[in-house]
Amino acid sequence: MPAYATNMRLKFPILALILEIITIILYAVFAVYDDGIGHDSHHNATESN
């Protein structure tokens, strides 16, 4: 087996793990979750008074 094949065998899993960690961090930073506060202030437009 050539030396470059062994080198790539080590590099690819490390690169994949680093990219996965970066994806998780970016998702945690940019994801917006609804905390449920302030829902009672919304009014339904189809509601008749």
Protein backbone atom coordinates (compact mmCIF):
# COMPACT_ATOMS: atom_id res chain seq x y z
CA MET A 1 0.00 0.00 0.00
CA PRO A 2 1.47 3.38 -0.97
CA ALA A 3 2.29 5.89 1.74
CA TYR A 4 -0.25 8.45 0.49
CA ALA A 5 -3.08 5.90 0.87
CA THR A 6 -2.21 5.37 4.53
CA ASN A 7 -1.99 9.11 5.01
CA MET A 8 -5.46 9.63 3.50
CA ARG A 9 -6.83 6.76 5.59
CA LEU A 10 -5.95 8.83 8.65
CA LYS A 11 -6.83 12.29 7.30
CA PHE A 12 -10.35 11.62 6.02
CA PRO A 13 -11.95 10.47 9.31
CA ILE A 14 -10.33 13.38 11.15
CA LEU A 15 -11.60 15.83 8.53
CA ALA A 16 -15.09 14.31 8.64
CA LEU A 17 -15.18 14.56 12.44
CA ILE A 18 -14.02 18.19 12.38
CA LEU A 19 -16.66 19.10 9.77
CA GLU A 20 -19.36 17.37 11.83
CA ILE A 21 -18.35 19.31 14.95
CA ILE A 22 -18.39 22.59 12.99
CA THR A 23 -21.87 21.75 11.67
CA ILE A 24 -23.17 21.03 15.19
CA ILE A 25 -21.70 24.28 16.53
CA LEU A 26 -23.16 26.35 13.67
CA TYR A 27 -26.57 24.74 14.15
CA ALA A 28 -26.47 25.50 17.88
CA VAL A 29 -25.55 29.13 17.19
CA PHE A 30 -28.09 29.85 14.45
CA ALA A 31 -31.08 27.69 15.41
CA VAL A 32 -33.97 29.68 16.90
CA TYR A 33 -36.19 27.85 19.35
CA ASP A 34 -39.66 28.94 20.40
CA ASP A 35 -39.70 29.32 24.18
CA GLY A 36 -43.50 29.57 24.36
CA ILE A 37 -43.54 33.01 25.98
CA GLY A 38 -46.03 35.53 24.64
CA HIS A 39 -48.41 33.20 22.85
CA ASP A 40 -51.44 34.57 24.69
CA SER A 41 -50.90 38.00 23.12
CA HIS A 42 -51.54 36.65 19.61
CA HIS A 43 -55.07 36.94 18.30
CA ASN A 44 -56.69 34.79 15.68
CA ALA A 45 -57.80 36.92 12.71
CA THR A 46 -60.72 34.59 11.93
CA GLU A 47 -62.13 34.88 15.44
CA SER A 48 -65.48 36.71 15.57
CA ASN A 49 -66.16 39.03 18.51
